[in-house]
Amino acid sequence: MARDTTDFRPIEGVDELVAYLAAGNKPRDQWRIGTEHEKFPFYVDGNAPVPYGGERGIRAILEGMQQKLGWDPIIDDGRIIGLV
């Protein structure tokens, strides 16, 4: 169930929905436990949300962490959106 799926037909029944979801399953021996952690940053001065761009933005933060920590970037539509 990758994001690059090109079949945009509407699902027309429960069996079709179950089959679609089951297609994304991994075998039990490949199951892993993971977490997703999100924080929403705000500037201390004024409590404004931090924008994506700019020298004090999300992109700059992620790029700085990538350089300092050696993590791999998650890229979406040419933009860094996370690190792994």
PDB file of N, CA and C in Angstrom:
ATOM      1  N   MET A   1       0.835  -1.187   0.000  1.00  0.00           N
ATOM      2  CA  MET A   1       0.000   0.000   0.000  1.00  0.00           C
ATOM      3  C   MET A   1       0.874   1.243   0.000  1.00  0.00           C
ATOM      4  N   ALA A   2       1.748   1.307  -0.965  1.00  0.00           N
ATOM      5  CA  ALA A   2       2.648   2.445  -1.084  1.00  0.00           C
ATOM      6  C   ALA A   2       1.898   3.678  -1.550  1.00  0.00           C
ATOM      7  N   ARG A   3       2.498   4.823  -1.336  1.00  0.00           N
ATOM      8  CA  ARG A   3       1.871   6.080  -1.722  1.00  0.00           C
ATOM      9  C   ARG A   3       1.806   6.258  -3.225  1.00  0.00           C
ATOM     10  N   ASP A   4       2.588   5.489  -3.975  1.00  0.00           N
ATOM     11  CA  ASP A   4       2.588   5.657  -5.419  1.00  0.00           C
ATOM     12  C   ASP A   4       1.550   4.772  -6.119  1.00  0.00           C
ATOM     13  N   THR A   5       0.562   4.315  -5.387  1.00  0.00           N
ATOM     14  CA  THR A   5      -0.514   3.506  -5.951  1.00  0.00           C
ATOM     15  C   THR A   5      -1.249   4.298  -7.018  1.00  0.00           C
ATOM     16  N   THR A   6      -1.556   3.634  -8.136  1.00  0.00           N
ATOM     17  CA  THR A   6      -2.227   4.336  -9.229  1.00  0.00           C
ATOM     18  C   THR A   6      -3.656   3.865  -9.454  1.00  0.00           C
ATOM     19  N   ASP A   7      -4.150   2.924  -8.682  1.00  0.00           N
ATOM     20  CA  ASP A   7      -5.519   2.435  -8.826  1.00  0.00           C
ATOM     21  C   ASP A   7      -6.431   3.296  -7.959  1.00  0.00           C
ATOM     22  N   PHE A   8      -7.138   4.215  -8.590  1.00  0.00           N
ATOM     23  CA  PHE A   8      -7.983   5.144  -7.848  1.00  0.00           C
ATOM     24  C   PHE A   8      -9.460   4.765  -7.905  1.00  0.00           C
ATOM     25  N   ARG A   9      -9.757   3.510  -8.307  1.00  0.00           N
ATOM     26  CA  ARG A   9     -11.153   3.072  -8.318  1.00  0.00           C
ATOM     27  C   ARG A   9     -11.693   3.089  -6.890  1.00  0.00           C
ATOM     28  N   PRO A  10     -12.938   3.479  -6.725  1.00  0.00           N
ATOM     29  CA  PRO A  10     -13.533   3.401  -5.386  1.00  0.00           C
ATOM     30  C   PRO A  10     -13.662   1.941  -4.941  1.00  0.00           C
ATOM     31  N   ILE A  11     -13.453   1.697  -3.672  1.00  0.00           N
ATOM     32  CA  ILE A  11     -13.674   0.364  -3.106  1.00  0.00           C
ATOM     33  C   ILE A  11     -15.177   0.188  -2.978  1.00  0.00           C
ATOM     34  N   GLU A  12     -15.671  -0.955  -3.459  1.00  0.00           N
ATOM     35  CA  GLU A  12     -17.115  -1.121  -3.571  1.00  0.00           C
ATOM     36  C   GLU A  12     -17.714  -2.134  -2.614  1.00  0.00           C
ATOM     37  N   GLY A  13     -16.945  -2.663  -1.701  1.00  0.00           N
ATOM     38  CA  GLY A  13     -17.518  -3.618  -0.763  1.00  0.00           C
ATOM     39  C   GLY A  13     -16.540  -3.961   0.342  1.00  0.00           C
ATOM     40  N   VAL A  14     -17.072  -4.596   1.373  1.00  0.00           N
ATOM     41  CA  VAL A  14     -16.258  -4.962   2.536  1.00  0.00           C
ATOM     42  C   VAL A  14     -15.149  -5.929   2.139  1.00  0.00           C
ATOM     43  N   ASP A  15     -15.474  -6.921   1.321  1.00  0.00           N
ATOM     44  CA  ASP A  15     -14.456  -7.898   0.916  1.00  0.00           C
ATOM     45  C   ASP A  15     -13.306  -7.232   0.164  1.00  0.00           C
ATOM     46  N   GLU A  16     -13.632  -6.281  -0.680  1.00  0.00           N
ATOM     47  CA  GLU A  16     -12.599  -5.567  -1.431  1.00  0.00           C
ATOM     48  C   GLU A  16     -11.734  -4.724  -0.489  1.00  0.00           C
ATOM     49  N   LEU A  17     -12.349  -4.111   0.507  1.00  0.00           N
ATOM     50  CA  LEU A  17     -11.601  -3.329   1.497  1.00  0.00           C
ATOM     51  C   LEU A  17     -10.674  -4.229   2.302  1.00  0.00           C
ATOM     52  N   VAL A  18     -11.189  -5.367   2.758  1.00  0.00           N
ATOM     53  CA  VAL A  18     -10.375  -6.309   3.530  1.00  0.00           C
ATOM     54  C   VAL A  18      -9.192  -6.799   2.696  1.00  0.00           C
ATOM     55  N   ALA A  19      -9.431  -7.121   1.430  1.00  0.00           N
ATOM     56  CA  ALA A  19      -8.347  -7.586   0.554  1.00  0.00           C
ATOM     57  C   ALA A  19      -7.297  -6.503   0.354  1.00  0.00           C
ATOM     58  N   TYR A  20      -7.737  -5.264   0.195  1.00  0.00           N
ATOM     59  CA  TYR A  20      -6.806  -4.145   0.010  1.00  0.00           C
ATOM     60  C   TYR A  20      -5.924  -3.970   1.244  1.00  0.00           C
ATOM     61  N   LEU A  21      -6.530  -3.988   2.417  1.00  0.00           N
ATOM     62  CA  LEU A  21      -5.758  -3.830   3.653  1.00  0.00           C
ATOM     63  C   LEU A  21      -4.841  -5.027   3.889  1.00  0.00           C
ATOM     64  N   ALA A  22      -5.327  -6.234   3.622  1.00  0.00           N
ATOM     65  CA  ALA A  22      -4.526  -7.444   3.826  1.00  0.00           C
ATOM     66  C   ALA A  22      -3.306  -7.468   2.909  1.00  0.00           C
ATOM     67  N   ALA A  23      -3.397  -6.841   1.748  1.00  0.00           N
ATOM     68  CA  ALA A  23      -2.267  -6.809   0.816  1.00  0.00           C
ATOM     69  C   ALA A  23      -1.070  -6.071   1.406  1.00  0.00           C
ATOM     70  N   GLY A  24      -1.294  -5.231   2.396  1.00  0.00           N
ATOM     71  CA  GLY A  24      -0.206  -4.492   3.025  1.00  0.00           C
ATOM     72  C   GLY A  24       0.383  -5.183   4.241  1.00  0.00           C
ATOM     73  N   ASN A  25      -0.146  -6.343   4.607  1.00  0.00           N
ATOM     74  CA  ASN A  25       0.339  -7.065   5.781  1.00  0.00           C
ATOM     75  C   ASN A  25       1.720  -7.654   5.549  1.00  0.00           C
ATOM     76  N   LYS A  26       2.479  -7.754   6.640  1.00  0.00           N
ATOM     77  CA  LYS A  26       3.764  -8.448   6.614  1.00  0.00           C
ATOM     78  C   LYS A  26       3.573  -9.800   7.292  1.00  0.00           C
ATOM     79  N   PRO A  27       4.398 -10.779   6.938  1.00  0.00           N
ATOM     80  CA  PRO A  27       4.354 -12.046   7.669  1.00  0.00           C
ATOM     81  C   PRO A  27       4.677 -11.801   9.148  1.00  0.00           C
ATOM     82  N   ARG A  28       4.106 -12.633  10.011  1.00  0.00           N
ATOM     83  CA  ARG A  28       4.253 -12.452  11.461  1.00  0.00           C
ATOM     84  C   ARG A  28       5.724 -12.349  11.887  1.00  0.00           C
ATOM     85  N   ASP A  29       6.618 -13.112  11.255  1.00  0.00           N
ATOM     86  CA  ASP A  29       8.029 -13.073  11.663  1.00  0.00           C
ATOM     87  C   ASP A  29       8.726 -11.770  11.272  1.00  0.00           C
ATOM     88  N   GLN A  30       8.045 -10.912  10.512  1.00  0.00           N
ATOM     89  CA  GLN A  30       8.602  -9.610  10.146  1.00  0.00           C
ATOM     90  C   GLN A  30       7.937  -8.462  10.903  1.00  0.00           C
ATOM     91  N   TRP A  31       7.057  -8.789  11.842  1.00  0.00           N
ATOM     92  CA  TRP A  31       6.403  -7.742  12.626  1.00  0.00           C
ATOM     93  C   TRP A  31       7.436  -7.033  13.491  1.00  0.00           C
ATOM     94  N   ARG A  32       7.295  -5.742  13.634  1.00  0.00           N
ATOM     95  CA  ARG A  32       8.159  -4.931  14.489  1.00  0.00           C
ATOM     96  C   ARG A  32       7.289  -3.928  15.236  1.00  0.00           C
ATOM     97  N   ILE A  33       7.808  -3.450  16.329  1.00  0.00           N
ATOM     98  CA  ILE A  33       7.120  -2.407  17.077  1.00  0.00           C
ATOM     99  C   ILE A  33       7.874  -1.112  16.837  1.00  0.00           C
ATOM    100  N   GLY A  34       7.151  -0.079  16.515  1.00  0.00           N
ATOM    101  CA  GLY A  34       7.778   1.217  16.280  1.00  0.00           C
ATOM    102  C   GLY A  34       6.892   2.322  16.822  1.00  0.00           C
ATOM    103  N   THR A  35       7.450   3.488  16.896  1.00  0.00           N
ATOM    104  CA  THR A  35       6.681   4.633  17.364  1.00  0.00           C
ATOM    105  C   THR A  35       6.847   5.785  16.391  1.00  0.00           C
ATOM    106  N   GLU A  36       5.888   6.643  16.415  1.00  0.00           N
ATOM    107  CA  GLU A  36       5.982   7.885  15.661  1.00  0.00           C
ATOM    108  C   GLU A  36       5.881   8.997  16.689  1.00  0.00           C
ATOM    109  N   HIS A  37       6.759   9.954  16.570  1.00  0.00           N
ATOM    110  CA  HIS A  37       6.819  11.011  17.576  1.00  0.00           C
ATOM    111  C   HIS A  37       6.754  12.357  16.875  1.00  0.00           C
ATOM    112  N   GLU A  38       5.763  13.128  17.193  1.00  0.00           N
ATOM    113  CA  GLU A  38       5.624  14.445  16.574  1.00  0.00           C
ATOM    114  C   GLU A  38       5.597  15.523  17.649  1.00  0.00           C
ATOM    115  N   LYS A  39       6.239  16.607  17.355  1.00  0.00           N
ATOM    116  CA  LYS A  39       6.216  17.799  18.214  1.00  0.00           C
ATOM    117  C   LYS A  39       5.822  18.976  17.340  1.00  0.00           C
ATOM    118  N   PHE A  40       5.106  19.900  17.888  1.00  0.00           N
ATOM    119  CA  PHE A  40       4.717  21.098  17.159  1.00  0.00           C
ATOM    120  C   PHE A  40       5.446  22.281  17.777  1.00  0.00           C
ATOM    121  N   PRO A  41       6.455  22.809  17.074  1.00  0.00           N
ATOM    122  CA  PRO A  41       7.282  23.871  17.658  1.00  0.00           C
ATOM    123  C   PRO A  41       6.652  25.254  17.531  1.00  0.00           C
ATOM    124  N   PHE A  42       6.884  26.049  18.558  1.00  0.00           N
ATOM    125  CA  PHE A  42       6.458  27.448  18.593  1.00  0.00           C
ATOM    126  C   PHE A  42       7.639  28.276  19.068  1.00  0.00           C
ATOM    127  N   TYR A  43       7.761  29.482  18.536  1.00  0.00           N
ATOM    128  CA  TYR A  43       8.794  30.394  19.012  1.00  0.00           C
ATOM    129  C   TYR A  43       8.443  30.851  20.421  1.00  0.00           C
ATOM    130  N   VAL A  44       9.442  30.924  21.284  1.00  0.00           N
ATOM    131  CA  VAL A  44       9.231  31.384  22.655  1.00  0.00           C
ATOM    132  C   VAL A  44       8.772  32.838  22.654  1.00  0.00           C
ATOM    133  N   ASP A  45       9.391  33.643  21.788  1.00  0.00           N
ATOM    134  CA  ASP A  45       9.020  35.056  21.722  1.00  0.00           C
ATOM    135  C   ASP A  45       7.773  35.225  20.845  1.00  0.00           C
ATOM    136  N   GLY A  46       6.616  35.264  21.456  1.00  0.00           N
ATOM    137  CA  GLY A  46       5.375  35.516  20.742  1.00  0.00           C
ATOM    138  C   GLY A  46       4.503  34.297  20.502  1.00  0.00           C
ATOM    139  N   ASN A  47       4.998  33.105  20.794  1.00  0.00           N
ATOM    140  CA  ASN A  47       4.227  31.871  20.637  1.00  0.00           C
ATOM    141  C   ASN A  47       3.730  31.614  19.214  1.00  0.00           C
ATOM    142  N   ALA A  48       4.416  32.143  18.217  1.00  0.00           N
ATOM    143  CA  ALA A  48       4.030  31.900  16.827  1.00  0.00           C
ATOM    144  C   ALA A  48       4.542  30.523  16.397  1.00  0.00           C
ATOM    145  N   PRO A  49       3.792  29.809  15.566  1.00  0.00           N
ATOM    146  CA  PRO A  49       4.284  28.517  15.084  1.00  0.00           C
ATOM    147  C   PRO A  49       5.504  28.700  14.182  1.00  0.00           C
ATOM    148  N   VAL A  50       6.425  27.763  14.253  1.00  0.00           N
ATOM    149  CA  VAL A  50       7.637  27.813  13.440  1.00  0.00           C
ATOM    150  C   VAL A  50       7.260  27.421  12.007  1.00  0.00           C
ATOM    151  N   PRO A  51       7.592  28.252  11.009  1.00  0.00           N
ATOM    152  CA  PRO A  51       7.270  27.916   9.619  1.00  0.00           C
ATOM    153  C   PRO A  51       8.227  26.857   9.075  1.00  0.00           C
ATOM    154  N   TYR A  52       7.905  26.321   7.908  1.00  0.00           N
ATOM    155  CA  TYR A  52       8.794  25.342   7.291  1.00  0.00           C
ATOM    156  C   TYR A  52      10.083  26.001   6.815  1.00  0.00           C
ATOM    157  N   GLY A  53       9.980  27.121   6.122  1.00  0.00           N
ATOM    158  CA  GLY A  53      11.145  27.770   5.534  1.00  0.00           C
ATOM    159  C   GLY A  53      11.793  28.776   6.460  1.00  0.00           C
ATOM    160  N   GLY A  54      12.878  29.357   5.988  1.00  0.00           N
ATOM    161  CA  GLY A  54      13.578  30.384   6.756  1.00  0.00           C
ATOM    162  C   GLY A  54      14.720  29.817   7.565  1.00  0.00           C
ATOM    163  N   GLU A  55      15.601  30.724   8.013  1.00  0.00           N
ATOM    164  CA  GLU A  55      16.800  30.269   8.739  1.00  0.00           C
ATOM    165  C   GLU A  55      16.484  29.697  10.117  1.00  0.00           C
ATOM    166  N   ARG A  56      15.290  29.970  10.647  1.00  0.00           N
ATOM    167  CA  ARG A  56      14.875  29.396  11.935  1.00  0.00           C
ATOM    168  C   ARG A  56      13.667  28.475  11.755  1.00  0.00           C
ATOM    169  N   GLY A  57      13.501  27.936  10.546  1.00  0.00           N
ATOM    170  CA  GLY A  57      12.342  27.109  10.232  1.00  0.00           C
ATOM    171  C   GLY A  57      12.593  25.617  10.391  1.00  0.00           C
ATOM    172  N   ILE A  58      11.541  24.845  10.137  1.00  0.00           N
ATOM    173  CA  ILE A  58      11.591  23.391  10.269  1.00  0.00           C
ATOM    174  C   ILE A  58      12.660  22.778   9.364  1.00  0.00           C
ATOM    175  N   ARG A  59      12.715  23.256   8.122  1.00  0.00           N
ATOM    176  CA  ARG A  59      13.716  22.712   7.195  1.00  0.00           C
ATOM    177  C   ARG A  59      15.124  22.902   7.751  1.00  0.00           C
ATOM    178  N   ALA A  60      15.428  24.085   8.251  1.00  0.00           N
ATOM    179  CA  ALA A  60      16.758  24.359   8.808  1.00  0.00           C
ATOM    180  C   ALA A  60      17.033  23.466  10.021  1.00  0.00           C
ATOM    181  N   ILE A  61      16.023  23.253  10.847  1.00  0.00           N
ATOM    182  CA  ILE A  61      16.187  22.386  12.025  1.00  0.00           C
ATOM    183  C   ILE A  61      16.511  20.962  11.582  1.00  0.00           C
ATOM    184  N   LEU A  62      15.715  20.433  10.640  1.00  0.00           N
ATOM    185  CA  LEU A  62      15.930  19.060  10.182  1.00  0.00           C
ATOM    186  C   LEU A  62      17.275  18.901   9.479  1.00  0.00           C
ATOM    187  N   GLU A  63      17.646  19.868   8.646  1.00  0.00           N
ATOM    188  CA  GLU A  63      18.945  19.789   7.963  1.00  0.00           C
ATOM    189  C   GLU A  63      20.094  19.860   8.965  1.00  0.00           C
ATOM    190  N   GLY A  64      19.966  20.694   9.986  1.00  0.00           N
ATOM    191  CA  GLY A  64      20.991  20.780  11.020  1.00  0.00           C
ATOM    192  C   GLY A  64      21.123  19.480  11.796  1.00  0.00           C
ATOM    193  N   MET A  65      19.984  18.873  12.145  1.00  0.00           N
ATOM    194  CA  MET A  65      20.016  17.589  12.853  1.00  0.00           C
ATOM    195  C   MET A  65      20.617  16.499  11.969  1.00  0.00           C
ATOM    196  N   GLN A  66      20.284  16.534  10.683  1.00  0.00           N
ATOM    197  CA  GLN A  66      20.822  15.551   9.745  1.00  0.00           C
ATOM    198  C   GLN A  66      22.342  15.635   9.700  1.00  0.00           C
ATOM    199  N   GLN A  67      22.875  16.841   9.593  1.00  0.00           N
ATOM    200  CA  GLN A  67      24.326  17.027   9.535  1.00  0.00           C
ATOM    201  C   GLN A  67      24.992  16.633  10.844  1.00  0.00           C
ATOM    202  N   LYS A  68      24.395  17.031  11.944  1.00  0.00           N
ATOM    203  CA  LYS A  68      25.010  16.801  13.251  1.00  0.00           C
ATOM    204  C   LYS A  68      24.902  15.341  13.695  1.00  0.00           C
ATOM    205  N   LEU A  69      23.769  14.697  13.406  1.00  0.00           N
ATOM    206  CA  LEU A  69      23.517  13.354  13.920  1.00  0.00           C
ATOM    207  C   LEU A  69      23.717  12.246  12.890  1.00  0.00           C
ATOM    208  N   GLY A  70      23.846  12.629  11.608  1.00  0.00           N
ATOM    209  CA  GLY A  70      24.073  11.637  10.569  1.00  0.00           C
ATOM    210  C   GLY A  70      22.847  10.831  10.179  1.00  0.00           C
ATOM    211  N   TRP A  71      21.663  11.303  10.510  1.00  0.00           N
ATOM    212  CA  TRP A  71      20.437  10.585  10.156  1.00  0.00           C
ATOM    213  C   TRP A  71      20.120  10.777   8.680  1.00  0.00           C
ATOM    214  N   ASP A  72      19.311   9.875   8.135  1.00  0.00           N
ATOM    215  CA  ASP A  72      18.885   9.961   6.737  1.00  0.00           C
ATOM    216  C   ASP A  72      17.595  10.766   6.645  1.00  0.00           C
ATOM    217  N   PRO A  73      17.487  11.620   5.627  1.00  0.00           N
ATOM    218  CA  PRO A  73      16.283  12.438   5.492  1.00  0.00           C
ATOM    219  C   PRO A  73      15.120  11.658   4.878  1.00  0.00           C
ATOM    220  N   ILE A  74      13.922  12.031   5.257  1.00  0.00           N
ATOM    221  CA  ILE A  74      12.705  11.575   4.586  1.00  0.00           C
ATOM    222  C   ILE A  74      12.297  12.732   3.689  1.00  0.00           C
ATOM    223  N   ILE A  75      12.256  12.479   2.387  1.00  0.00           N
ATOM    224  CA  ILE A  75      11.970  13.529   1.409  1.00  0.00           C
ATOM    225  C   ILE A  75      10.580  13.310   0.823  1.00  0.00           C
ATOM    226  N   ASP A  76       9.790  14.357   0.757  1.00  0.00           N
ATOM    227  CA  ASP A  76       8.466  14.307   0.135  1.00  0.00           C
ATOM    228  C   ASP A  76       8.334  15.508  -0.791  1.00  0.00           C
ATOM    229  N   ASP A  77       8.147  15.241  -2.065  1.00  0.00           N
ATOM    230  CA  ASP A  77       7.989  16.303  -3.059  1.00  0.00           C
ATOM    231  C   ASP A  77       9.178  17.272  -3.025  1.00  0.00           C
ATOM    232  N   GLY A  78      10.389  16.712  -2.825  1.00  0.00           N
ATOM    233  CA  GLY A  78      11.599  17.519  -2.827  1.00  0.00           C
ATOM    234  C   GLY A  78      11.906  18.238  -1.525  1.00  0.00           C
ATOM    235  N   ARG A  79      11.094  18.031  -0.513  1.00  0.00           N
ATOM    236  CA  ARG A  79      11.302  18.707   0.780  1.00  0.00           C
ATOM    237  C   ARG A  79      11.601  17.692   1.871  1.00  0.00           C
ATOM    238  N   ILE A  80      12.529  18.039   2.746  1.00  0.00           N
ATOM    239  CA  ILE A  80      12.825  17.185   3.890  1.00  0.00           C
ATOM    240  C   ILE A  80      11.688  17.348   4.905  1.00  0.00           C
ATOM    241  N   ILE A  81      11.087  16.210   5.299  1.00  0.00           N
ATOM    242  CA  ILE A  81       9.950  16.271   6.227  1.00  0.00           C
ATOM    243  C   ILE A  81      10.193  15.473   7.500  1.00  0.00           C
ATOM    244  N   GLY A  82      11.308  14.774   7.570  1.00  0.00           N
ATOM    245  CA  GLY A  82      11.598  13.974   8.750  1.00  0.00           C
ATOM    246  C   GLY A  82      12.968  13.347   8.631  1.00  0.00           C
ATOM    247  N   LEU A  83      13.346  12.609   9.661  1.00  0.00           N
ATOM    248  CA  LEU A  83      14.648  11.941   9.712  1.00  0.00           C
ATOM    249  C   LEU A  83      14.466  10.531  10.241  1.00  0.00           C
ATOM    250  N   VAL A  84      15.294   9.613   9.727  1.00  0.00           N
ATOM    251  CA  VAL A  84      15.290   8.238  10.242  1.00  0.00           C
ATOM    252  C   VAL A  84      16.709   7.798  10.506  1.00  0.00           C
TER     253      VAL A  84
END
